[in-house]
Amino acid sequence: VQLQASGGGLVQSGGSLRLSCAASGFSLDNYNIGWFRQTPGKEREFVAVIHWSRGMTYYGDSVRGRFTISRDNAKNTLDLQMDSLKPEDTAVYYCAAARLRSVMATMASFARRSAYDYWGQGTQVTVSS
C-alpha cells in the first residue's frame, strides 16, 4: 500500500497550485481519500476528503470555496486544486486513505486523523505574500 503525493512548490499569494496523490497496492473502492496539512508545531489539519466510489466531498472551513478535491478512478489518482492561495495555506500537505467501516459514517467524520489507515509522504506548499 502506497500513497505518493506530488505537485507542491512555491506560489505567490492569490495564485493556484494542483497537488496529486497516486495510490498503489490496493483498491480504493472502499476508501475515502483525504488531504491534510501541517505546519511546524501545529496539529495536522484536515483539508478535504472524497468518497472514492461515490464522489461525495467534504472540506475544512479554512479552504471551502477555494480548494477542490477530485479523483480519477481509472488512474487511481487524487487531485487537490488549490486556488486563491494565501500565505496561511503554507504547509506540508499529506494524502491519506480511510477504510469505510460503516455505512452510517458521515463525510464529516473523516475530518479526524484517527479515521485514516494509510498516509503518504508530504509535499511542501509555500505561499509567499
C-alpha atoms as a PDB file:
ATOM      1  CA  VAL A   1       0.000   0.000   0.000  1.00  0.00           C
ATOM      2  CA  GLN A   2       1.480   3.274  -1.087  1.00  0.00           C
ATOM      3  CA  LEU A   3       0.289   6.847  -1.402  1.00  0.00           C
ATOM      4  CA  GLN A   4       2.582   9.216  -3.232  1.00  0.00           C
ATOM      5  CA  ALA A   5       1.881  12.957  -3.078  1.00  0.00           C
ATOM      6  CA  SER A   6       3.360  15.419  -5.548  1.00  0.00           C
ATOM      7  CA  GLY A   7       2.881  18.859  -7.005  1.00  0.00           C
ATOM      8  CA  GLY A   8       3.972  21.075  -4.163  1.00  0.00           C
ATOM      9  CA  GLY A   9       6.003  24.194  -4.722  1.00  0.00           C
ATOM     10  CA  LEU A  10       6.269  27.927  -4.269  1.00  0.00           C
ATOM     11  CA  VAL A  11       3.468  30.206  -5.414  1.00  0.00           C
ATOM     12  CA  GLN A  12       2.512  33.810  -4.824  1.00  0.00           C
ATOM     13  CA  SER A  13      -0.479  34.811  -2.772  1.00  0.00           C
ATOM     14  CA  GLY A  14      -3.618  34.648  -4.900  1.00  0.00           C
ATOM     15  CA  GLY A  15      -2.134  32.021  -7.161  1.00  0.00           C
ATOM     16  CA  SER A  16      -3.039  28.399  -7.787  1.00  0.00           C
ATOM     17  CA  LEU A  17      -1.410  25.044  -7.356  1.00  0.00           C
ATOM     18  CA  ARG A  18      -2.525  21.498  -8.047  1.00  0.00           C
ATOM     19  CA  LEU A  19      -1.475  18.589  -5.875  1.00  0.00           C
ATOM     20  CA  SER A  20      -1.737  14.956  -6.897  1.00  0.00           C
ATOM     21  CA  CYS A  21      -1.719  11.728  -4.930  1.00  0.00           C
ATOM     22  CA  ALA A  22      -1.072   8.412  -6.639  1.00  0.00           C
ATOM     23  CA  ALA A  23      -2.332   5.277  -4.902  1.00  0.00           C
ATOM     24  CA  SER A  24      -0.947   1.812  -5.495  1.00  0.00           C
ATOM     25  CA  GLY A  25      -1.100  -1.598  -3.902  1.00  0.00           C
ATOM     26  CA  PHE A  26      -4.780  -1.604  -3.010  1.00  0.00           C
ATOM     27  CA  SER A  27      -8.221  -0.965  -4.418  1.00  0.00           C
ATOM     28  CA  LEU A  28      -9.696   2.383  -3.451  1.00  0.00           C
ATOM     29  CA  ASP A  29     -13.301   1.325  -3.949  1.00  0.00           C
ATOM     30  CA  ASN A  30     -13.938   1.006  -0.204  1.00  0.00           C
ATOM     31  CA  TYR A  31     -11.988   4.042   0.895  1.00  0.00           C
ATOM     32  CA  ASN A  32     -12.314   7.734   1.442  1.00  0.00           C
ATOM     33  CA  ILE A  33      -9.208   9.637   0.393  1.00  0.00           C
ATOM     34  CA  GLY A  34      -8.317  12.857   2.088  1.00  0.00           C
ATOM     35  CA  TRP A  35      -5.812  15.672   2.284  1.00  0.00           C
ATOM     36  CA  PHE A  36      -4.375  17.061   5.479  1.00  0.00           C
ATOM     37  CA  ARG A  37      -1.751  19.713   6.071  1.00  0.00           C
ATOM     38  CA  GLN A  38       0.696  20.511   8.807  1.00  0.00           C
ATOM     39  CA  THR A  39       2.973  23.358   9.800  1.00  0.00           C
ATOM     40  CA  PRO A  40       5.774  23.072  12.383  1.00  0.00           C
ATOM     41  CA  GLY A  41       4.499  22.985  15.920  1.00  0.00           C
ATOM     42  CA  LYS A  42       0.863  22.599  14.945  1.00  0.00           C
ATOM     43  CA  GLU A  43      -1.581  19.729  14.733  1.00  0.00           C
ATOM     44  CA  ARG A  44      -2.183  18.135  11.351  1.00  0.00           C
ATOM     45  CA  GLU A  45      -5.198  19.943   9.910  1.00  0.00           C
ATOM     46  CA  PHE A  46      -7.947  18.458   7.817  1.00  0.00           C
ATOM     47  CA  VAL A  47      -8.277  19.933   4.317  1.00  0.00           C
ATOM     48  CA  ALA A  48     -10.661  17.824   2.226  1.00  0.00           C
ATOM     49  CA  VAL A  49     -11.915  14.291   1.652  1.00  0.00           C
ATOM     50  CA  ILE A  50     -13.637  12.446  -1.173  1.00  0.00           C
ATOM     51  CA  HIS A  51     -15.601   9.197  -1.239  1.00  0.00           C
ATOM     52  CA  TRP A  52     -13.730   7.261  -3.891  1.00  0.00           C
ATOM     53  CA  SER A  53     -16.710   5.411  -5.341  1.00  0.00           C
ATOM     54  CA  ARG A  54     -19.496   7.954  -4.961  1.00  0.00           C
ATOM     55  CA  GLY A  55     -17.522  11.163  -5.367  1.00  0.00           C
ATOM     56  CA  MET A  56     -19.025  12.862  -2.306  1.00  0.00           C
ATOM     57  CA  THR A  57     -16.770  15.542  -0.874  1.00  0.00           C
ATOM     58  CA  TYR A  58     -16.268  17.429   2.353  1.00  0.00           C
ATOM     59  CA  TYR A  59     -13.979  20.388   3.056  1.00  0.00           C
ATOM     60  CA  GLY A  60     -12.385  22.058   6.008  1.00  0.00           C
ATOM     61  CA  ASP A  61     -13.729  25.509   6.837  1.00  0.00           C
ATOM     62  CA  SER A  62     -10.469  27.265   6.010  1.00  0.00           C
ATOM     63  CA  VAL A  63     -10.371  26.005   2.422  1.00  0.00           C
ATOM     64  CA  ARG A  64     -14.013  25.629   1.470  1.00  0.00           C
ATOM     65  CA  GLY A  65     -14.746  27.586  -1.690  1.00  0.00           C
ATOM     66  CA  ARG A  66     -11.065  27.830  -2.668  1.00  0.00           C
ATOM     67  CA  PHE A  67      -9.925  24.216  -2.900  1.00  0.00           C
ATOM     68  CA  THR A  68     -11.435  21.420  -4.967  1.00  0.00           C
ATOM     69  CA  ILE A  69     -10.794  17.730  -4.426  1.00  0.00           C
ATOM     70  CA  SER A  70     -11.311  15.276  -7.264  1.00  0.00           C
ATOM     71  CA  ARG A  71     -10.322  11.778  -8.288  1.00  0.00           C
ATOM     72  CA  ASP A  72      -9.561   9.804 -11.405  1.00  0.00           C
ATOM     73  CA  ASN A  73     -10.827   6.298 -10.828  1.00  0.00           C
ATOM     74  CA  ALA A  74      -9.101   4.870 -13.874  1.00  0.00           C
ATOM     75  CA  LYS A  75      -5.699   6.220 -12.891  1.00  0.00           C
ATOM     76  CA  ASN A  76      -6.107   5.740  -9.145  1.00  0.00           C
ATOM     77  CA  THR A  77      -5.087   9.324  -8.550  1.00  0.00           C
ATOM     78  CA  LEU A  78      -6.446  12.049  -6.321  1.00  0.00           C
ATOM     79  CA  ASP A  79      -6.058  15.756  -7.027  1.00  0.00           C
ATOM     80  CA  LEU A  80      -6.365  18.869  -4.931  1.00  0.00           C
ATOM     81  CA  GLN A  81      -6.843  22.057  -6.922  1.00  0.00           C
ATOM     82  CA  MET A  82      -5.900  24.993  -4.736  1.00  0.00           C
ATOM     83  CA  ASP A  83      -6.978  28.450  -5.861  1.00  0.00           C
ATOM     84  CA  SER A  84      -6.809  31.887  -4.251  1.00  0.00           C
ATOM     85  CA  LEU A  85      -3.931  30.696  -2.152  1.00  0.00           C
ATOM     86  CA  LYS A  86      -2.998  32.596   0.992  1.00  0.00           C
ATOM     87  CA  PRO A  87       0.237  32.659   2.993  1.00  0.00           C
ATOM     88  CA  GLU A  88      -1.570  30.760   5.741  1.00  0.00           C
ATOM     89  CA  ASP A  89      -2.004  27.845   3.329  1.00  0.00           C
ATOM     90  CA  THR A  90       1.723  27.263   3.586  1.00  0.00           C
ATOM     91  CA  ALA A  91       2.239  23.759   4.962  1.00  0.00           C
ATOM     92  CA  VAL A  92       3.286  20.233   4.184  1.00  0.00           C
ATOM     93  CA  TYR A  93       0.327  18.531   2.541  1.00  0.00           C
ATOM     94  CA  TYR A  94      -0.390  14.829   3.055  1.00  0.00           C
ATOM     95  CA  CYS A  95      -2.795  12.480   1.337  1.00  0.00           C
ATOM     96  CA  ALA A  96      -4.326   9.638   3.314  1.00  0.00           C
ATOM     97  CA  ALA A  97      -6.725   6.736   2.861  1.00  0.00           C
ATOM     98  CA  ALA A  98      -9.501   5.756   5.252  1.00  0.00           C
ATOM     99  CA  ARG A  99     -11.221   2.379   5.011  1.00  0.00           C
ATOM    100  CA  LEU A 100     -15.012   2.573   5.000  1.00  0.00           C
ATOM    101  CA  ARG A 101     -16.037   0.608   8.070  1.00  0.00           C
ATOM    102  CA  SER A 102     -19.608   1.763   8.475  1.00  0.00           C
ATOM    103  CA  VAL A 103     -22.321   2.812   6.037  1.00  0.00           C
ATOM    104  CA  MET A 104     -23.536   5.196   8.745  1.00  0.00           C
ATOM    105  CA  ALA A 105     -20.348   7.231   8.815  1.00  0.00           C
ATOM    106  CA  THR A 106     -20.766  10.814   7.659  1.00  0.00           C
ATOM    107  CA  MET A 107     -18.245  12.559   5.449  1.00  0.00           C
ATOM    108  CA  ALA A 108     -17.603  14.975   8.308  1.00  0.00           C
ATOM    109  CA  SER A 109     -16.378  12.083  10.430  1.00  0.00           C
ATOM    110  CA  PHE A 110     -13.417  11.779   8.081  1.00  0.00           C
ATOM    111  CA  ALA A 111     -12.062  15.130   9.201  1.00  0.00           C
ATOM    112  CA  ARG A 112     -10.396  13.239  12.064  1.00  0.00           C
ATOM    113  CA  ARG A 113      -6.869  11.961  11.594  1.00  0.00           C
ATOM    114  CA  SER A 114      -7.766   8.830  13.513  1.00  0.00           C
ATOM    115  CA  ALA A 115     -10.134   7.769  10.729  1.00  0.00           C
ATOM    116  CA  TYR A 116      -7.235   7.159   8.344  1.00  0.00           C
ATOM    117  CA  ASP A 117      -5.339   3.933   7.856  1.00  0.00           C
ATOM    118  CA  TYR A 118      -2.644   4.873   5.389  1.00  0.00           C
ATOM    119  CA  TRP A 119      -0.635   8.044   4.903  1.00  0.00           C
ATOM    120  CA  GLY A 120       1.603   9.233   2.129  1.00  0.00           C
ATOM    121  CA  GLN A 121       4.708  11.317   2.470  1.00  0.00           C
ATOM    122  CA  GLY A 122       4.095  15.036   2.385  1.00  0.00           C
ATOM    123  CA  THR A 123       4.642  17.638  -0.272  1.00  0.00           C
ATOM    124  CA  GLN A 124       5.601  21.179   0.656  1.00  0.00           C
ATOM    125  CA  VAL A 125       3.421  24.097  -0.392  1.00  0.00           C
ATOM    126  CA  THR A 126       4.746  27.593   0.207  1.00  0.00           C
ATOM    127  CA  VAL A 127       2.660  30.678  -0.491  1.00  0.00           C
ATOM    128  CA  SER A 128       4.555  33.953  -0.491  1.00  0.00           C
ATOM    129  CA  SER A 129       2.900  37.236   0.362  1.00  0.00           C
END
